[in-house]
Amino acid sequence: MFRIVRAVAVVLLACVIGAYAAAAAQPPDTVEVPWPFAPASADSDLT
């Protein structure tokens, strides 16, 4: 039983890490969250 719970936890953790890595790898103008280090050109594209 504990192995099943641990396997589910590992899969969920991998999904969270994968989603965070995919969001961090995208350019700033395609990400929904604000980027403090975004260049000025990205801000002009959003407006």
PDB file of N, CA and C in Angstrom:
ATOM      1  N   MET A   1       0.829  -1.209   0.000  1.00  0.00           N
ATOM      2  CA  MET A   1       0.000   0.000   0.000  1.00  0.00           C
ATOM      3  C   MET A   1       0.862   1.255   0.000  1.00  0.00           C
ATOM      4  N   PHE A   2       1.912   1.220   0.816  1.00  0.00           N
ATOM      5  CA  PHE A   2       2.768   2.405   0.873  1.00  0.00           C
ATOM      6  C   PHE A   2       3.480   2.650  -0.448  1.00  0.00           C
ATOM      7  N   ARG A   3       3.780   1.554  -1.179  1.00  0.00           N
ATOM      8  CA  ARG A   3       4.455   1.735  -2.462  1.00  0.00           C
ATOM      9  C   ARG A   3       3.550   2.445  -3.459  1.00  0.00           C
ATOM     10  N   ILE A   4       2.253   2.161  -3.412  1.00  0.00           N
ATOM     11  CA  ILE A   4       1.320   2.824  -4.334  1.00  0.00           C
ATOM     12  C   ILE A   4       1.229   4.312  -4.008  1.00  0.00           C
ATOM     13  N   VAL A   5       1.125   4.624  -2.720  1.00  0.00           N
ATOM     14  CA  VAL A   5       1.037   6.025  -2.321  1.00  0.00           C
ATOM     15  C   VAL A   5       2.312   6.765  -2.698  1.00  0.00           C
ATOM     16  N   ARG A   6       3.458   6.123  -2.486  1.00  0.00           N
ATOM     17  CA  ARG A   6       4.731   6.767  -2.830  1.00  0.00           C
ATOM     18  C   ARG A   6       4.863   6.944  -4.327  1.00  0.00           C
ATOM     19  N   ALA A   7       4.394   5.972  -5.120  1.00  0.00           N
ATOM     20  CA  ALA A   7       4.470   6.088  -6.569  1.00  0.00           C
ATOM     21  C   ALA A   7       3.595   7.236  -7.072  1.00  0.00           C
ATOM     22  N   VAL A   8       2.403   7.377  -6.496  1.00  0.00           N
ATOM     23  CA  VAL A   8       1.526   8.482  -6.895  1.00  0.00           C
ATOM     24  C   VAL A   8       2.154   9.819  -6.527  1.00  0.00           C
ATOM     25  N   ALA A   9       2.772   9.893  -5.357  1.00  0.00           N
ATOM     26  CA  ALA A   9       3.409  11.138  -4.940  1.00  0.00           C
ATOM     27  C   ALA A   9       4.572  11.498  -5.859  1.00  0.00           C
ATOM     28  N   VAL A  10       5.331  10.504  -6.281  1.00  0.00           N
ATOM     29  CA  VAL A  10       6.457  10.756  -7.179  1.00  0.00           C
ATOM     30  C   VAL A  10       5.957  11.241  -8.537  1.00  0.00           C
ATOM     31  N   VAL A  11       4.883  10.644  -9.023  1.00  0.00           N
ATOM     32  CA  VAL A  11       4.337  11.063 -10.318  1.00  0.00           C
ATOM     33  C   VAL A  11       3.814  12.492 -10.243  1.00  0.00           C
ATOM     34  N   LEU A  12       3.102  12.821  -9.172  1.00  0.00           N
ATOM     35  CA  LEU A  12       2.586  14.182  -9.029  1.00  0.00           C
ATOM     36  C   LEU A  12       3.733  15.182  -8.913  1.00  0.00           C
ATOM     37  N   LEU A  13       4.770  14.814  -8.166  1.00  0.00           N
ATOM     38  CA  LEU A  13       5.913  15.720  -8.029  1.00  0.00           C
ATOM     39  C   LEU A  13       6.608  15.918  -9.369  1.00  0.00           C
ATOM     40  N   ALA A  14       6.724  14.846 -10.151  1.00  0.00           N
ATOM     41  CA  ALA A  14       7.347  14.967 -11.473  1.00  0.00           C
ATOM     42  C   ALA A  14       6.521  15.850 -12.388  1.00  0.00           C
ATOM     43  N   CYS A  15       5.193  15.763 -12.276  1.00  0.00           N
ATOM     44  CA  CYS A  15       4.333  16.619 -13.106  1.00  0.00           C
ATOM     45  C   CYS A  15       4.501  18.085 -12.731  1.00  0.00           C
ATOM     46  N   VAL A  16       4.599  18.365 -11.435  1.00  0.00           N
ATOM     47  CA  VAL A  16       4.770  19.745 -10.991  1.00  0.00           C
ATOM     48  C   VAL A  16       6.115  20.292 -11.465  1.00  0.00           C
ATOM     49  N   ILE A  17       7.164  19.491 -11.313  1.00  0.00           N
ATOM     50  CA  ILE A  17       8.491  19.933 -11.739  1.00  0.00           C
ATOM     51  C   ILE A  17       8.521  20.113 -13.261  1.00  0.00           C
ATOM     52  N   GLY A  18       7.902  19.202 -13.990  1.00  0.00           N
ATOM     53  CA  GLY A  18       7.871  19.318 -15.449  1.00  0.00           C
ATOM     54  C   GLY A  18       7.101  20.544 -15.913  1.00  0.00           C
ATOM     55  N   ALA A  19       5.989  20.830 -15.256  1.00  0.00           N
ATOM     56  CA  ALA A  19       5.204  22.009 -15.638  1.00  0.00           C
ATOM     57  C   ALA A  19       5.973  23.290 -15.324  1.00  0.00           C
ATOM     58  N   TYR A  20       6.668  23.323 -14.184  1.00  0.00           N
ATOM     59  CA  TYR A  20       7.452  24.501 -13.820  1.00  0.00           C
ATOM     60  C   TYR A  20       8.618  24.703 -14.783  1.00  0.00           C
ATOM     61  N   ALA A  21       9.267  23.595 -15.172  1.00  0.00           N
ATOM     62  CA  ALA A  21      10.385  23.692 -16.106  1.00  0.00           C
ATOM     63  C   ALA A  21       9.900  24.139 -17.479  1.00  0.00           C
ATOM     64  N   ALA A  22       8.739  23.654 -17.911  1.00  0.00           N
ATOM     65  CA  ALA A  22       8.206  24.054 -19.213  1.00  0.00           C
ATOM     66  C   ALA A  22       7.830  25.532 -19.209  1.00  0.00           C
ATOM     67  N   ALA A  23       7.274  26.015 -18.103  1.00  0.00           N
ATOM     68  CA  ALA A  23       6.905  27.425 -18.026  1.00  0.00           C
ATOM     69  C   ALA A  23       8.153  28.305 -17.969  1.00  0.00           C
ATOM     70  N   ALA A  24       9.194  27.838 -17.302  1.00  0.00           N
ATOM     71  CA  ALA A  24      10.412  28.639 -17.183  1.00  0.00           C
ATOM     72  C   ALA A  24      11.198  28.653 -18.492  1.00  0.00           C
ATOM     73  N   ALA A  25      11.006  27.639 -19.338  1.00  0.00           N
ATOM     74  CA  ALA A  25      11.771  27.562 -20.577  1.00  0.00           C
ATOM     75  C   ALA A  25      11.159  28.411 -21.681  1.00  0.00           C
ATOM     76  N   GLN A  26       9.900  28.850 -21.503  1.00  0.00           N
ATOM     77  CA  GLN A  26       9.243  29.632 -22.554  1.00  0.00           C
ATOM     78  C   GLN A  26       9.697  31.079 -22.497  1.00  0.00           C
ATOM     79  N   PRO A  27       9.629  31.789 -23.630  1.00  0.00           N
ATOM     80  CA  PRO A  27       9.961  33.216 -23.625  1.00  0.00           C
ATOM     81  C   PRO A  27       8.979  34.007 -22.770  1.00  0.00           C
ATOM     82  N   PRO A  28       9.370  35.151 -22.278  1.00  0.00           N
ATOM     83  CA  PRO A  28       8.520  35.906 -21.346  1.00  0.00           C
ATOM     84  C   PRO A  28       7.193  36.341 -21.943  1.00  0.00           C
ATOM     85  N   ASP A  29       7.117  36.570 -23.265  1.00  0.00           N
ATOM     86  CA  ASP A  29       5.883  37.115 -23.829  1.00  0.00           C
ATOM     87  C   ASP A  29       4.784  36.063 -23.967  1.00  0.00           C
ATOM     88  N   THR A  30       5.101  34.775 -23.768  1.00  0.00           N
ATOM     89  CA  THR A  30       4.090  33.738 -23.885  1.00  0.00           C
ATOM     90  C   THR A  30       3.668  33.190 -22.520  1.00  0.00           C
ATOM     91  N   VAL A  31       4.293  33.657 -21.449  1.00  0.00           N
ATOM     92  CA  VAL A  31       3.982  33.153 -20.111  1.00  0.00           C
ATOM     93  C   VAL A  31       2.963  34.082 -19.455  1.00  0.00           C
ATOM     94  N   GLU A  32       1.992  33.507 -18.751  1.00  0.00           N
ATOM     95  CA  GLU A  32       0.937  34.303 -18.136  1.00  0.00           C
ATOM     96  C   GLU A  32       1.443  35.098 -16.930  1.00  0.00           C
ATOM     97  N   VAL A  33       2.445  34.564 -16.235  1.00  0.00           N
ATOM     98  CA  VAL A  33       2.913  35.217 -15.018  1.00  0.00           C
ATOM     99  C   VAL A  33       3.815  36.393 -15.381  1.00  0.00           C
ATOM    100  N   PRO A  34       3.858  37.435 -14.553  1.00  0.00           N
ATOM    101  CA  PRO A  34       4.751  38.567 -14.817  1.00  0.00           C
ATOM    102  C   PRO A  34       6.210  38.181 -14.605  1.00  0.00           C
ATOM    103  N   TRP A  35       7.045  38.671 -15.471  1.00  0.00           N
ATOM    104  CA  TRP A  35       8.481  38.363 -15.389  1.00  0.00           C
ATOM    105  C   TRP A  35       9.229  39.628 -14.980  1.00  0.00           C
ATOM    106  N   PRO A  36       9.879  39.610 -13.819  1.00  0.00           N
ATOM    107  CA  PRO A  36      10.613  40.815 -13.386  1.00  0.00           C
ATOM    108  C   PRO A  36      11.827  41.100 -14.273  1.00  0.00           C
ATOM    109  N   PHE A  37      12.342  40.066 -14.943  1.00  0.00           N
ATOM    110  CA  PHE A  37      13.524  40.259 -15.780  1.00  0.00           C
ATOM    111  C   PHE A  37      13.181  40.272 -17.270  1.00  0.00           C
ATOM    112  N   ALA A  38      11.919  40.572 -17.592  1.00  0.00           N
ATOM    113  CA  ALA A  38      11.511  40.595 -18.991  1.00  0.00           C
ATOM    114  C   ALA A  38      12.083  41.840 -19.674  1.00  0.00           C
ATOM    115  N   PRO A  39      12.521  41.711 -20.919  1.00  0.00           N
ATOM    116  CA  PRO A  39      13.044  42.877 -21.654  1.00  0.00           C
ATOM    117  C   PRO A  39      11.928  43.859 -22.000  1.00  0.00           C
ATOM    118  N   ALA A  40      12.298  45.039 -22.414  1.00  0.00           N
ATOM    119  CA  ALA A  40      11.301  46.067 -22.734  1.00  0.00           C
ATOM    120  C   ALA A  40      10.486  45.677 -23.966  1.00  0.00           C
ATOM    121  N   SER A  41      11.053  44.900 -24.868  1.00  0.00           N
ATOM    122  CA  SER A  41      10.325  44.514 -26.083  1.00  0.00           C
ATOM    123  C   SER A  41       9.143  43.610 -25.749  1.00  0.00           C
ATOM    124  N   ALA A  42       9.278  42.796 -24.704  1.00  0.00           N
ATOM    125  CA  ALA A  42       8.172  41.904 -24.323  1.00  0.00           C
ATOM    126  C   ALA A  42       6.994  42.713 -23.795  1.00  0.00           C
ATOM    127  N   ASP A  43       7.286  43.801 -23.089  1.00  0.00           N
ATOM    128  CA  ASP A  43       6.201  44.632 -22.569  1.00  0.00           C
ATOM    129  C   ASP A  43       5.463  45.329 -23.709  1.00  0.00           C
ATOM    130  N   SER A  44       6.175  45.734 -24.740  1.00  0.00           N
ATOM    131  CA  SER A  44       5.518  46.414 -25.860  1.00  0.00           C
ATOM    132  C   SER A  44       4.674  45.433 -26.668  1.00  0.00           C
ATOM    133  N   ASP A  45       5.041  44.134 -26.669  1.00  0.00           N
ATOM    134  CA  ASP A  45       4.248  43.148 -27.401  1.00  0.00           C
ATOM    135  C   ASP A  45       2.929  42.856 -26.699  1.00  0.00           C
ATOM    136  N   LEU A  46       2.899  42.964 -25.388  1.00  0.00           N
ATOM    137  CA  LEU A  46       1.686  42.633 -24.650  1.00  0.00           C
ATOM    138  C   LEU A  46       0.638  43.737 -24.765  1.00  0.00           C
ATOM    139  N   THR A  47       1.052  44.956 -24.964  1.00  0.00           N
ATOM    140  CA  THR A  47       0.101  46.070 -25.006  1.00  0.00           C
ATOM    141  C   THR A  47      -0.529  46.195 -26.374  1.00  0.00           C
TER     142      THR A  47
END
